[in-house]
């Protein structure tokens, strides 16, 4: 349950959120999130984004290193106009506990696995 607006804003005679948190050592039932917790969440999100971006760049480079695999990015079911349009993203195998049976996802996964199998060959 959210506190009334005057409580959230620290109205007349009310303590502010920062006072409330500091009075309780940061451990409070008040629904206002401590700034340190928000900062930590942003750090985790930034790290996850950086990791996902690095994985996409690695997959993209691995596939584009092989002209025949890169050309398959332009064929059905993937269907890019140019191989360099693919950013390396492969959709997840499951989503909301449901198997992702997209033909495009399967084709991208096969391309990437073939690129890994070939390794550094060009």
PDB file of N, CA and C in Angstrom:
ATOM      1  N   UNK A   1       0.837  -1.176   0.000  1.00  0.00           N
ATOM      2  CA  UNK A   1       0.000   0.000   0.000  1.00  0.00           C
ATOM      3  C   UNK A   1       0.881   1.238   0.000  1.00  0.00           C
ATOM      4  N   UNK A   2       0.577   2.173  -0.885  1.00  0.00           N
ATOM      5  CA  UNK A   2       1.371   3.395  -0.983  1.00  0.00           C
ATOM      6  C   UNK A   2       0.927   4.378   0.078  1.00  0.00           C
ATOM      7  N   UNK A   3       1.873   5.097   0.664  1.00  0.00           N
ATOM      8  CA  UNK A   3       1.503   6.128   1.635  1.00  0.00           C
ATOM      9  C   UNK A   3       0.789   7.268   0.928  1.00  0.00           C
ATOM     10  N   UNK A   4       0.016   8.051   1.668  1.00  0.00           N
ATOM     11  CA  UNK A   4      -0.663   9.191   1.046  1.00  0.00           C
ATOM     12  C   UNK A   4       0.356  10.150   0.440  1.00  0.00           C
ATOM     13  N   UNK A   5      -0.066  10.959  -0.572  1.00  0.00           N
ATOM     14  CA  UNK A   5       0.878  11.850  -1.267  1.00  0.00           C
ATOM     15  C   UNK A   5       1.664  12.754  -0.336  1.00  0.00           C
ATOM     16  N   UNK A   6       1.030  13.261   0.719  1.00  0.00           N
ATOM     17  CA  UNK A   6       1.777  14.159   1.592  1.00  0.00           C
ATOM     18  C   UNK A   6       2.920  13.434   2.289  1.00  0.00           C
ATOM     19  N   UNK A   7       2.797  12.160   2.514  1.00  0.00           N
ATOM     20  CA  UNK A   7       3.851  11.365   3.128  1.00  0.00           C
ATOM     21  C   UNK A   7       5.006  11.201   2.144  1.00  0.00           C
ATOM     22  N   UNK A   8       4.681  10.945   0.890  1.00  0.00           N
ATOM     23  CA  UNK A   8       5.735  10.757  -0.109  1.00  0.00           C
ATOM     24  C   UNK A   8       6.500  12.051  -0.351  1.00  0.00           C
ATOM     25  N   UNK A   9       5.813  13.169  -0.283  1.00  0.00           N
ATOM     26  CA  UNK A   9       6.469  14.452  -0.565  1.00  0.00           C
ATOM     27  C   UNK A   9       7.106  15.049   0.675  1.00  0.00           C
ATOM     28  N   UNK A  10       6.823  14.509   1.833  1.00  0.00           N
ATOM     29  CA  UNK A  10       7.372  15.109   3.047  1.00  0.00           C
ATOM     30  C   UNK A  10       6.665  16.417   3.354  1.00  0.00           C
ATOM     31  N   UNK A  11       5.336  16.367   3.378  1.00  0.00           N
ATOM     32  CA  UNK A  11       4.517  17.548   3.632  1.00  0.00           C
ATOM     33  C   UNK A  11       4.802  18.164   4.986  1.00  0.00           C
ATOM     34  N   UNK A  12       4.058  19.208   5.342  1.00  0.00           N
ATOM     35  CA  UNK A  12       4.292  19.913   6.608  1.00  0.00           C
ATOM     36  C   UNK A  12       4.237  18.947   7.792  1.00  0.00           C
ATOM     37  N   UNK A  13       5.291  18.975   8.576  1.00  0.00           N
ATOM     38  CA  UNK A  13       5.346  18.131   9.759  1.00  0.00           C
ATOM     39  C   UNK A  13       5.692  16.683   9.464  1.00  0.00           C
ATOM     40  N   UNK A  14       5.900  16.344   8.213  1.00  0.00           N
ATOM     41  CA  UNK A  14       6.222  14.965   7.838  1.00  0.00           C
ATOM     42  C   UNK A  14       7.714  14.865   7.536  1.00  0.00           C
ATOM     43  N   UNK A  15       8.287  13.729   7.868  1.00  0.00           N
ATOM     44  CA  UNK A  15       9.688  13.525   7.522  1.00  0.00           C
ATOM     45  C   UNK A  15       9.795  13.189   6.043  1.00  0.00           C
ATOM     46  N   UNK A  16      10.913  13.512   5.441  1.00  0.00           N
ATOM     47  CA  UNK A  16      11.117  13.203   4.023  1.00  0.00           C
ATOM     48  C   UNK A  16      11.563  11.757   3.890  1.00  0.00           C
ATOM     49  N   UNK A  17      11.557  11.258   2.667  1.00  0.00           N
ATOM     50  CA  UNK A  17      11.955   9.874   2.426  1.00  0.00           C
ATOM     51  C   UNK A  17      13.382   9.635   2.880  1.00  0.00           C
ATOM     52  N   UNK A  18      14.286  10.574   2.597  1.00  0.00           N
ATOM     53  CA  UNK A  18      15.681  10.369   2.978  1.00  0.00           C
ATOM     54  C   UNK A  18      15.827  10.346   4.495  1.00  0.00           C
ATOM     55  N   UNK A  19      15.056  11.179   5.203  1.00  0.00           N
ATOM     56  CA  UNK A  19      15.098  11.151   6.663  1.00  0.00           C
ATOM     57  C   UNK A  19      14.552   9.829   7.169  1.00  0.00           C
ATOM     58  N   UNK A  20      13.471   9.358   6.559  1.00  0.00           N
ATOM     59  CA  UNK A  20      12.863   8.105   6.968  1.00  0.00           C
ATOM     60  C   UNK A  20      13.842   6.955   6.803  1.00  0.00           C
ATOM     61  N   UNK A  21      14.521   6.897   5.677  1.00  0.00           N
ATOM     62  CA  UNK A  21      15.461   5.817   5.413  1.00  0.00           C
ATOM     63  C   UNK A  21      16.652   5.910   6.342  1.00  0.00           C
ATOM     64  N   UNK A  22      17.191   7.124   6.521  1.00  0.00           N
ATOM     65  CA  UNK A  22      18.359   7.254   7.374  1.00  0.00           C
ATOM     66  C   UNK A  22      18.018   6.938   8.824  1.00  0.00           C
ATOM     67  N   UNK A  23      16.804   7.258   9.266  1.00  0.00           N
ATOM     68  CA  UNK A  23      16.392   6.948  10.632  1.00  0.00           C
ATOM     69  C   UNK A  23      16.320   5.443  10.863  1.00  0.00           C
ATOM     70  N   UNK A  24      16.040   4.696   9.804  1.00  0.00           N
ATOM     71  CA  UNK A  24      15.879   3.256   9.931  1.00  0.00           C
ATOM     72  C   UNK A  24      17.064   2.492   9.360  1.00  0.00           C
ATOM     73  N   UNK A  25      18.141   3.172   9.105  1.00  0.00           N
ATOM     74  CA  UNK A  25      19.328   2.518   8.579  1.00  0.00           C
ATOM     75  C   UNK A  25      19.128   1.938   7.186  1.00  0.00           C
ATOM     76  N   UNK A  26      18.136   2.466   6.443  1.00  0.00           N
ATOM     77  CA  UNK A  26      17.892   1.976   5.092  1.00  0.00           C
ATOM     78  C   UNK A  26      16.975   0.772   5.058  1.00  0.00           C
ATOM     79  N   UNK A  27      16.654   0.222   6.227  1.00  0.00           N
ATOM     80  CA  UNK A  27      15.774  -0.947   6.288  1.00  0.00           C
ATOM     81  C   UNK A  27      14.415  -0.490   6.785  1.00  0.00           C
ATOM     82  N   UNK A  28      13.488  -0.299   5.855  1.00  0.00           N
ATOM     83  CA  UNK A  28      12.192   0.243   6.216  1.00  0.00           C
ATOM     84  C   UNK A  28      11.103  -0.394   5.372  1.00  0.00           C
ATOM     85  N   UNK A  29       9.884  -0.368   5.873  1.00  0.00           N
ATOM     86  CA  UNK A  29       8.740  -0.866   5.118  1.00  0.00           C
ATOM     87  C   UNK A  29       8.190   0.207   4.196  1.00  0.00           C
ATOM     88  N   UNK A  30       8.738   1.411   4.282  1.00  0.00           N
ATOM     89  CA  UNK A  30       8.302   2.508   3.427  1.00  0.00           C
ATOM     90  C   UNK A  30       8.567   2.101   1.973  1.00  0.00           C
ATOM     91  N   UNK A  31       7.568   2.282   1.075  1.00  0.00           N
ATOM     92  CA  UNK A  31       7.763   1.847  -0.305  1.00  0.00           C
ATOM     93  C   UNK A  31       8.733   2.699  -1.105  1.00  0.00           C
ATOM     94  N   UNK A  32       9.252   3.758  -0.539  1.00  0.00           N
ATOM     95  CA  UNK A  32      10.223   4.585  -1.243  1.00  0.00           C
ATOM     96  C   UNK A  32      11.554   3.850  -1.238  1.00  0.00           C
ATOM     97  N   UNK A  33      12.135   3.644  -2.404  1.00  0.00           N
ATOM     98  CA  UNK A  33      13.363   2.863  -2.530  1.00  0.00           C
ATOM     99  C   UNK A  33      14.563   3.728  -2.201  1.00  0.00           C
ATOM    100  N   UNK A  34      15.480   3.170  -1.450  1.00  0.00           N
ATOM    101  CA  UNK A  34      16.698   3.884  -1.084  1.00  0.00           C
ATOM    102  C   UNK A  34      17.509   4.186  -2.334  1.00  0.00           C
ATOM    103  N   UNK A  35      18.106   5.371  -2.426  1.00  0.00           N
ATOM    104  CA  UNK A  35      18.913   5.724  -3.597  1.00  0.00           C
ATOM    105  C   UNK A  35      20.028   4.718  -3.878  1.00  0.00           C
ATOM    106  N   UNK A  36      20.629   4.155  -2.848  1.00  0.00           N
ATOM    107  CA  UNK A  36      21.697   3.183  -3.055  1.00  0.00           C
ATOM    108  C   UNK A  36      21.173   1.939  -3.766  1.00  0.00           C
ATOM    109  N   UNK A  37      19.956   1.517  -3.447  1.00  0.00           N
ATOM    110  CA  UNK A  37      19.369   0.346  -4.096  1.00  0.00           C
ATOM    111  C   UNK A  37      19.100   0.631  -5.572  1.00  0.00           C
ATOM    112  N   UNK A  38      18.632   1.830  -5.864  1.00  0.00           N
ATOM    113  CA  UNK A  38      18.384   2.214  -7.262  1.00  0.00           C
ATOM    114  C   UNK A  38      19.698   2.256  -8.022  1.00  0.00           C
ATOM    115  N   UNK A  39      20.729   2.809  -7.400  1.00  0.00           N
ATOM    116  CA  UNK A  39      22.036   2.886  -8.033  1.00  0.00           C
ATOM    117  C   UNK A  39      22.566   1.485  -8.330  1.00  0.00           C
ATOM    118  N   UNK A  40      22.404   0.573  -7.392  1.00  0.00           N
ATOM    119  CA  UNK A  40      22.873  -0.804  -7.597  1.00  0.00           C
ATOM    120  C   UNK A  40      22.107  -1.464  -8.744  1.00  0.00           C
ATOM    121  N   UNK A  41      20.809  -1.209  -8.823  1.00  0.00           N
ATOM    122  CA  UNK A  41      19.988  -1.756  -9.904  1.00  0.00           C
ATOM    123  C   UNK A  41      20.495  -1.245 -11.249  1.00  0.00           C
ATOM    124  N   UNK A  42      20.810   0.040 -11.331  1.00  0.00           N
ATOM    125  CA  UNK A  42      21.323   0.611 -12.574  1.00  0.00           C
ATOM    126  C   UNK A  42      22.676  -0.002 -12.942  1.00  0.00           C
ATOM    127  N   UNK A  43      23.510  -0.269 -11.950  1.00  0.00           N
ATOM    128  CA  UNK A  43      24.801  -0.906 -12.211  1.00  0.00           C
ATOM    129  C   UNK A  43      24.608  -2.304 -12.794  1.00  0.00           C
ATOM    130  N   UNK A  44      23.691  -3.071 -12.199  1.00  0.00           N
ATOM    131  CA  UNK A  44      23.422  -4.422 -12.689  1.00  0.00           C
ATOM    132  C   UNK A  44      22.857  -4.395 -14.105  1.00  0.00           C
ATOM    133  N   UNK A  45      21.945  -3.464 -14.357  1.00  0.00           N
ATOM    134  CA  UNK A  45      21.354  -3.340 -15.688  1.00  0.00           C
ATOM    135  C   UNK A  45      22.405  -2.948 -16.717  1.00  0.00           C
ATOM    136  N   UNK A  46      23.267  -2.017 -16.372  1.00  0.00           N
ATOM    137  CA  UNK A  46      24.329  -1.588 -17.288  1.00  0.00           C
ATOM    138  C   UNK A  46      25.283  -2.748 -17.584  1.00  0.00           C
ATOM    139  N   UNK A  47      25.602  -3.541 -16.575  1.00  0.00           N
ATOM    140  CA  UNK A  47      26.493  -4.687 -16.778  1.00  0.00           C
ATOM    141  C   UNK A  47      25.831  -5.732 -17.682  1.00  0.00           C
ATOM    142  N   UNK A  48      24.542  -5.982 -17.473  1.00  0.00           N
ATOM    143  CA  UNK A  48      23.826  -6.954 -18.304  1.00  0.00           C
ATOM    144  C   UNK A  48      23.753  -6.478 -19.753  1.00  0.00           C
ATOM    145  N   UNK A  49      23.496  -5.179 -19.943  1.00  0.00           N
ATOM    146  CA  UNK A  49      23.456  -4.633 -21.305  1.00  0.00           C
ATOM    147  C   UNK A  49      24.813  -4.742 -21.986  1.00  0.00           C
ATOM    148  N   UNK A  50      25.876  -4.445 -21.250  1.00  0.00           N
ATOM    149  CA  UNK A  50      27.223  -4.526 -21.813  1.00  0.00           C
ATOM    150  C   UNK A  50      27.553  -5.967 -22.206  1.00  0.00           C
ATOM    151  N   UNK A  51      27.183  -6.923 -21.350  1.00  0.00           N
ATOM    152  CA  UNK A  51      27.430  -8.331 -21.639  1.00  0.00           C
ATOM    153  C   UNK A  51      26.641  -8.794 -22.864  1.00  0.00           C
ATOM    154  N   UNK A  52      25.376  -8.399 -22.942  1.00  0.00           N
ATOM    155  CA  UNK A  52      24.544  -8.778 -24.094  1.00  0.00           C
ATOM    156  C   UNK A  52      25.082  -8.152 -25.380  1.00  0.00           C
ATOM    157  N   UNK A  53      25.515  -6.899 -25.300  1.00  0.00           N
ATOM    158  CA  UNK A  53      26.076  -6.226 -26.471  1.00  0.00           C
ATOM    159  C   UNK A  53      27.344  -6.899 -26.950  1.00  0.00           C
ATOM    160  N   UNK A  54      28.193  -7.304 -26.011  1.00  0.00           N
ATOM    161  CA  UNK A  54      29.437  -7.989 -26.378  1.00  0.00           C
ATOM    162  C   UNK A  54      29.130  -9.338 -27.035  1.00  0.00           C
ATOM    163  N   UNK A  55      28.137 -10.055 -26.517  1.00  0.00           N
ATOM    164  CA  UNK A  55      27.759 -11.348 -27.098  1.00  0.00           C
ATOM    165  C   UNK A  55      27.228 -11.156 -28.519  1.00  0.00           C
ATOM    166  N   UNK A  56      26.421 -10.120 -28.735  1.00  0.00           N
ATOM    167  CA  UNK A  56      25.901  -9.842 -30.081  1.00  0.00           C
ATOM    168  C   UNK A  56      27.031  -9.510 -31.050  1.00  0.00           C
ATOM    169  N   UNK A  57      27.965  -8.687 -30.608  1.00  0.00           N
ATOM    170  CA  UNK A  57      29.086  -8.316 -31.479  1.00  0.00           C
ATOM    171  C   UNK A  57      29.935  -9.544 -31.833  1.00  0.00           C
ATOM    172  N   UNK A  58      30.120 -10.434 -30.853  1.00  0.00           N
ATOM    173  CA  UNK A  58      30.907 -11.647 -31.096  1.00  0.00           C
ATOM    174  C   UNK A  58      30.188 -12.561 -32.083  1.00  0.00           C
ATOM    175  N   UNK A  59      28.885 -12.748 -31.921  1.00  0.00           N
ATOM    176  CA  UNK A  59      28.119 -13.594 -32.851  1.00  0.00           C
ATOM    177  C   UNK A  59      28.135 -13.008 -34.257  1.00  0.00           C
ATOM    178  N   UNK A  60      27.924 -11.703 -34.346  1.00  0.00           N
ATOM    179  CA  UNK A  60      27.899 -11.031 -35.652  1.00  0.00           C
ATOM    180  C   UNK A  60      29.239 -11.201 -36.368  1.00  0.00           C
ATOM    181  N   UNK A  61      30.323 -10.949 -35.656  1.00  0.00           N
ATOM    182  CA  UNK A  61      31.654 -11.067 -36.257  1.00  0.00           C
ATOM    183  C   UNK A  61      31.926 -12.505 -36.696  1.00  0.00           C
ATOM    184  N   UNK A  62      31.508 -13.479 -35.887  1.00  0.00           N
ATOM    185  CA  UNK A  62      31.745 -14.884 -36.224  1.00  0.00           C
ATOM    186  C   UNK A  62      31.022 -15.275 -37.502  1.00  0.00           C
ATOM    187  N   UNK A  63      29.775 -14.851 -37.658  1.00  0.00           N
ATOM    188  CA  UNK A  63      29.004 -15.206 -38.856  1.00  0.00           C
ATOM    189  C   UNK A  63      29.492 -14.426 -40.073  1.00  0.00           C
ATOM    190  N   UNK A  64      29.712 -13.123 -39.919  1.00  0.00           N
ATOM    191  CA  UNK A  64      30.119 -12.307 -41.066  1.00  0.00           C
ATOM    192  C   UNK A  64      31.531 -12.636 -41.561  1.00  0.00           C
ATOM    193  N   UNK A  65      32.317 -13.347 -40.758  1.00  0.00           N
ATOM    194  CA  UNK A  65      33.665 -13.743 -41.171  1.00  0.00           C
ATOM    195  C   UNK A  65      33.626 -14.804 -42.275  1.00  0.00           C
ATOM    196  N   UNK A  66      32.475 -15.416 -42.488  1.00  0.00           N
ATOM    197  CA  UNK A  66      32.323 -16.465 -43.497  1.00  0.00           C
ATOM    198  C   UNK A  66      31.318 -15.988 -44.536  1.00  0.00           C
ATOM    199  N   UNK A  67      31.781 -15.652 -45.739  1.00  0.00           N
ATOM    200  CA  UNK A  67      30.887 -15.100 -46.762  1.00  0.00           C
ATOM    201  C   UNK A  67      29.660 -15.958 -47.064  1.00  0.00           C
ATOM    202  N   UNK A  68      29.816 -17.284 -47.059  1.00  0.00           N
ATOM    203  CA  UNK A  68      28.655 -18.132 -47.350  1.00  0.00           C
ATOM    204  C   UNK A  68      27.619 -18.079 -46.218  1.00  0.00           C
ATOM    205  N   UNK A  69      28.095 -18.003 -44.975  1.00  0.00           N
ATOM    206  CA  UNK A  69      27.156 -17.873 -43.856  1.00  0.00           C
ATOM    207  C   UNK A  69      26.506 -16.494 -43.866  1.00  0.00           C
ATOM    208  N   UNK A  70      27.287 -15.480 -44.148  1.00  0.00           N
ATOM    209  CA  UNK A  70      26.746 -14.121 -44.217  1.00  0.00           C
ATOM    210  C   UNK A  70      25.662 -14.026 -45.285  1.00  0.00           C
ATOM    211  N   UNK A  71      25.874 -14.688 -46.420  1.00  0.00           N
ATOM    212  CA  UNK A  71      24.879 -14.656 -47.499  1.00  0.00           C
ATOM    213  C   UNK A  71      23.567 -15.302 -47.063  1.00  0.00           C
ATOM    214  N   UNK A  72      23.651 -16.304 -46.185  1.00  0.00           N
ATOM    215  CA  UNK A  72      22.432 -16.963 -45.704  1.00  0.00           C
ATOM    216  C   UNK A  72      21.576 -16.057 -44.829  1.00  0.00           C
ATOM    217  N   UNK A  73      22.159 -14.980 -44.320  1.00  0.00           N
ATOM    218  CA  UNK A  73      21.370 -14.003 -43.557  1.00  0.00           C
ATOM    219  C   UNK A  73      20.336 -13.317 -44.448  1.00  0.00           C
ATOM    220  N   UNK A  74      20.557 -13.348 -45.757  1.00  0.00           N
ATOM    221  CA  UNK A  74      19.665 -12.690 -46.711  1.00  0.00           C
ATOM    222  C   UNK A  74      18.637 -13.642 -47.318  1.00  0.00           C
ATOM    223  N   UNK A  75      18.657 -14.886 -46.902  1.00  0.00           N
ATOM    224  CA  UNK A  75      17.722 -15.874 -47.434  1.00  0.00           C
ATOM    225  C   UNK A  75      16.625 -16.156 -46.401  1.00  0.00           C
ATOM    226  N   UNK A  76      15.469 -16.647 -46.873  1.00  0.00           N
ATOM    227  CA  UNK A  76      14.421 -17.035 -45.929  1.00  0.00           C
ATOM    228  C   UNK A  76      14.927 -18.175 -45.034  1.00  0.00           C
ATOM    229  N   UNK A  77      14.546 -18.235 -43.811  1.00  0.00           N
ATOM    230  CA  UNK A  77      13.534 -17.424 -43.136  1.00  0.00           C
ATOM    231  C   UNK A  77      14.095 -16.175 -42.474  1.00  0.00           C
ATOM    232  N   UNK A  78      15.404 -15.912 -42.627  1.00  0.00           N
ATOM    233  CA  UNK A  78      15.978 -14.740 -41.952  1.00  0.00           C
ATOM    234  C   UNK A  78      15.621 -13.475 -42.717  1.00  0.00           C
ATOM    235  N   UNK A  79      16.047 -13.363 -43.954  1.00  0.00           N
ATOM    236  CA  UNK A  79      15.551 -12.338 -44.849  1.00  0.00           C
ATOM    237  C   UNK A  79      16.052 -10.911 -44.705  1.00  0.00           C
ATOM    238  N   UNK A  80      17.293 -10.720 -44.280  1.00  0.00           N
ATOM    239  CA  UNK A  80      17.831  -9.356 -44.285  1.00  0.00           C
ATOM    240  C   UNK A  80      18.135  -8.945 -45.720  1.00  0.00           C
ATOM    241  N   UNK A  81      18.084  -7.663 -45.995  1.00  0.00           N
ATOM    242  CA  UNK A  81      18.436  -7.165 -47.327  1.00  0.00           C
ATOM    243  C   UNK A  81      19.948  -7.267 -47.552  1.00  0.00           C
ATOM    244  N   UNK A  82      20.716  -7.039 -46.475  1.00  0.00           N
ATOM    245  CA  UNK A  82      22.182  -7.122 -46.531  1.00  0.00           C
ATOM    246  C   UNK A  82      22.661  -7.829 -45.262  1.00  0.00           C
ATOM    247  N   UNK A  83      23.701  -8.631 -45.349  1.00  0.00           N
ATOM    248  CA  UNK A  83      24.191  -9.341 -44.161  1.00  0.00           C
ATOM    249  C   UNK A  83      24.591  -8.407 -43.019  1.00  0.00           C
ATOM    250  N   UNK A  84      25.134  -7.239 -43.369  1.00  0.00           N
ATOM    251  CA  UNK A  84      25.616  -6.339 -42.319  1.00  0.00           C
ATOM    252  C   UNK A  84      24.490  -5.689 -41.507  1.00  0.00           C
ATOM    253  N   UNK A  85      23.251  -5.934 -41.878  1.00  0.00           N
ATOM    254  CA  UNK A  85      22.127  -5.395 -41.107  1.00  0.00           C
ATOM    255  C   UNK A  85      21.892  -6.170 -39.808  1.00  0.00           C
ATOM    256  N   UNK A  86      22.338  -7.413 -39.770  1.00  0.00           N
ATOM    257  CA  UNK A  86      22.138  -8.228 -38.564  1.00  0.00           C
ATOM    258  C   UNK A  86      23.067  -7.751 -37.473  1.00  0.00           C
ATOM    259  N   UNK A  87      22.534  -7.486 -36.286  1.00  0.00           N
ATOM    260  CA  UNK A  87      23.349  -6.985 -35.182  1.00  0.00           C
ATOM    261  C   UNK A  87      23.899  -8.092 -34.289  1.00  0.00           C
ATOM    262  N   UNK A  88      23.609  -9.349 -34.609  1.00  0.00           N
ATOM    263  CA  UNK A  88      24.127 -10.462 -33.816  1.00  0.00           C
ATOM    264  C   UNK A  88      23.144 -11.002 -32.799  1.00  0.00           C
ATOM    265  N   UNK A  89      21.967 -10.398 -32.714  1.00  0.00           N
ATOM    266  CA  UNK A  89      20.974 -10.836 -31.731  1.00  0.00           C
ATOM    267  C   UNK A  89      20.290 -12.121 -32.191  1.00  0.00           C
ATOM    268  N   UNK A  90      20.211 -13.066 -31.281  1.00  0.00           N
ATOM    269  CA  UNK A  90      19.430 -14.288 -31.492  1.00  0.00           C
ATOM    270  C   UNK A  90      18.374 -14.308 -30.393  1.00  0.00           C
ATOM    271  N   UNK A  91      17.105 -14.326 -30.755  1.00  0.00           N
ATOM    272  CA  UNK A  91      16.047 -14.323 -29.736  1.00  0.00           C
ATOM    273  C   UNK A  91      16.195 -15.504 -28.768  1.00  0.00           C
ATOM    274  N   UNK A  92      15.643 -15.374 -27.568  1.00  0.00           N
ATOM    275  CA  UNK A  92      15.783 -16.449 -26.577  1.00  0.00           C
ATOM    276  C   UNK A  92      15.054 -17.723 -26.990  1.00  0.00           C
ATOM    277  N   UNK A  93      15.550 -18.854 -26.501  1.00  0.00           N
ATOM    278  CA  UNK A  93      14.952 -20.160 -26.810  1.00  0.00           C
ATOM    279  C   UNK A  93      13.592 -20.325 -26.138  1.00  0.00           C
ATOM    280  N   UNK A  94      13.420 -19.669 -25.004  1.00  0.00           N
ATOM    281  CA  UNK A  94      12.125 -19.706 -24.317  1.00  0.00           C
ATOM    282  C   UNK A  94      11.723 -18.289 -23.951  1.00  0.00           C
ATOM    283  N   UNK A  95      10.419 -18.081 -23.885  1.00  0.00           N
ATOM    284  CA  UNK A  95       9.875 -16.781 -23.499  1.00  0.00           C
ATOM    285  C   UNK A  95       8.626 -17.031 -22.674  1.00  0.00           C
ATOM    286  N   UNK A  96       8.642 -16.528 -21.447  1.00  0.00           N
ATOM    287  CA  UNK A  96       7.519 -16.731 -20.526  1.00  0.00           C
ATOM    288  C   UNK A  96       7.155 -18.214 -20.421  1.00  0.00           C
ATOM    289  N   UNK A  97       8.196 -19.009 -20.260  1.00  0.00           N
ATOM    290  CA  UNK A  97       8.069 -20.457 -20.098  1.00  0.00           C
ATOM    291  C   UNK A  97       7.471 -21.161 -21.314  1.00  0.00           C
ATOM    292  N   UNK A  98       7.519 -20.520 -22.467  1.00  0.00           N
ATOM    293  CA  UNK A  98       7.051 -21.107 -23.723  1.00  0.00           C
ATOM    294  C   UNK A  98       8.243 -21.277 -24.656  1.00  0.00           C
ATOM    295  N   UNK A  99       8.309 -22.411 -25.339  1.00  0.00           N
ATOM    296  CA  UNK A  99       9.378 -22.648 -26.312  1.00  0.00           C
ATOM    297  C   UNK A  99       9.215 -21.684 -27.490  1.00  0.00           C
ATOM    298  N   UNK A 100      10.306 -21.051 -27.894  1.00  0.00           N
ATOM    299  CA  UNK A 100      10.294 -20.156 -29.045  1.00  0.00           C
ATOM    300  C   UNK A 100      10.584 -20.987 -30.286  1.00  0.00           C
ATOM    301  N   UNK A 101       9.545 -21.276 -31.070  1.00  0.00           N
ATOM    302  CA  UNK A 101       9.712 -22.128 -32.247  1.00  0.00           C
ATOM    303  C   UNK A 101       9.790 -21.322 -33.551  1.00  0.00           C
ATOM    304  N   UNK A 102      10.228 -20.069 -33.447  1.00  0.00           N
ATOM    305  CA  UNK A 102      10.365 -19.218 -34.626  1.00  0.00           C
ATOM    306  C   UNK A 102      11.390 -19.795 -35.605  1.00  0.00           C
ATOM    307  N   UNK A 103      11.019 -19.941 -36.870  1.00  0.00           N
ATOM    308  CA  UNK A 103      11.979 -20.428 -37.872  1.00  0.00           C
ATOM    309  C   UNK A 103      13.178 -19.482 -38.015  1.00  0.00           C
ATOM    310  N   UNK A 104      12.937 -18.196 -37.848  1.00  0.00           N
ATOM    311  CA  UNK A 104      14.027 -17.219 -37.953  1.00  0.00           C
ATOM    312  C   UNK A 104      15.039 -17.424 -36.830  1.00  0.00           C
ATOM    313  N   UNK A 105      14.542 -17.624 -35.601  1.00  0.00           N
ATOM    314  CA  UNK A 105      15.423 -17.869 -34.470  1.00  0.00           C
ATOM    315  C   UNK A 105      16.248 -19.128 -34.700  1.00  0.00           C
ATOM    316  N   UNK A 106      15.597 -20.192 -35.146  1.00  0.00           N
ATOM    317  CA  UNK A 106      16.296 -21.455 -35.385  1.00  0.00           C
ATOM    318  C   UNK A 106      17.380 -21.290 -36.445  1.00  0.00           C
ATOM    319  N   UNK A 107      17.080 -20.563 -37.522  1.00  0.00           N
ATOM    320  CA  UNK A 107      18.055 -20.355 -38.595  1.00  0.00           C
ATOM    321  C   UNK A 107      19.246 -19.529 -38.114  1.00  0.00           C
ATOM    322  N   UNK A 108      18.998 -18.520 -37.299  1.00  0.00           N
ATOM    323  CA  UNK A 108      20.095 -17.706 -36.761  1.00  0.00           C
ATOM    324  C   UNK A 108      20.981 -18.543 -35.844  1.00  0.00           C
ATOM    325  N   UNK A 109      20.356 -19.377 -35.041  1.00  0.00           N
ATOM    326  CA  UNK A 109      21.128 -20.232 -34.139  1.00  0.00           C
ATOM    327  C   UNK A 109      22.000 -21.211 -34.930  1.00  0.00           C
ATOM    328  N   UNK A 110      21.441 -21.807 -35.970  1.00  0.00           N
ATOM    329  CA  UNK A 110      22.199 -22.742 -36.806  1.00  0.00           C
ATOM    330  C   UNK A 110      23.384 -22.024 -37.466  1.00  0.00           C
ATOM    331  N   UNK A 111      23.147 -20.816 -37.973  1.00  0.00           N
ATOM    332  CA  UNK A 111      24.244 -20.050 -38.595  1.00  0.00           C
ATOM    333  C   UNK A 111      25.364 -19.791 -37.603  1.00  0.00           C
ATOM    334  N   UNK A 112      24.996 -19.350 -36.417  1.00  0.00           N
ATOM    335  CA  UNK A 112      26.012 -19.039 -35.417  1.00  0.00           C
ATOM    336  C   UNK A 112      26.763 -20.291 -34.985  1.00  0.00           C
ATOM    337  N   UNK A 113      26.055 -21.394 -34.768  1.00  0.00           N
ATOM    338  CA  UNK A 113      26.712 -22.626 -34.377  1.00  0.00           C
ATOM    339  C   UNK A 113      27.659 -23.127 -35.470  1.00  0.00           C
ATOM    340  N   UNK A 114      27.267 -22.951 -36.731  1.00  0.00           N
ATOM    341  CA  UNK A 114      28.165 -23.314 -37.839  1.00  0.00           C
ATOM    342  C   UNK A 114      29.405 -22.437 -37.834  1.00  0.00           C
ATOM    343  N   UNK A 115      29.234 -21.160 -37.570  1.00  0.00           N
ATOM    344  CA  UNK A 115      30.382 -20.246 -37.505  1.00  0.00           C
ATOM    345  C   UNK A 115      31.317 -20.658 -36.367  1.00  0.00           C
ATOM    346  N   UNK A 116      30.758 -21.035 -35.228  1.00  0.00           N
ATOM    347  CA  UNK A 116      31.583 -21.495 -34.109  1.00  0.00           C
ATOM    348  C   UNK A 116      32.326 -22.774 -34.464  1.00  0.00           C
ATOM    349  N   UNK A 117      31.621 -23.675 -35.138  1.00  0.00           N
ATOM    350  CA  UNK A 117      32.235 -24.944 -35.547  1.00  0.00           C
ATOM    351  C   UNK A 117      33.430 -24.704 -36.460  1.00  0.00           C
ATOM    352  N   UNK A 118      33.295 -23.761 -37.355  1.00  0.00           N
ATOM    353  CA  UNK A 118      34.388 -23.453 -38.281  1.00  0.00           C
ATOM    354  C   UNK A 118      35.537 -22.737 -37.589  1.00  0.00           C
ATOM    355  N   UNK A 119      35.232 -22.041 -36.534  1.00  0.00           N
ATOM    356  CA  UNK A 119      36.280 -21.312 -35.802  1.00  0.00           C
ATOM    357  C   UNK A 119      36.810 -20.151 -36.614  1.00  0.00           C
ATOM    358  N   UNK A 120      38.117 -19.981 -36.653  1.00  0.00           N
ATOM    359  CA  UNK A 120      38.733 -18.856 -37.322  1.00  0.00           C
ATOM    360  C   UNK A 120      38.922 -19.036 -38.814  1.00  0.00           C
ATOM    361  N   UNK A 121      38.396 -20.115 -39.408  1.00  0.00           N
ATOM    362  CA  UNK A 121      38.563 -20.323 -40.859  1.00  0.00           C
ATOM    363  C   UNK A 121      37.849 -19.232 -41.654  1.00  0.00           C
ATOM    364  N   UNK A 122      38.443 -18.822 -42.735  1.00  0.00           N
ATOM    365  CA  UNK A 122      37.766 -17.871 -43.644  1.00  0.00           C
ATOM    366  C   UNK A 122      37.836 -18.361 -45.064  1.00  0.00           C
TER     367      UNK A 122
END
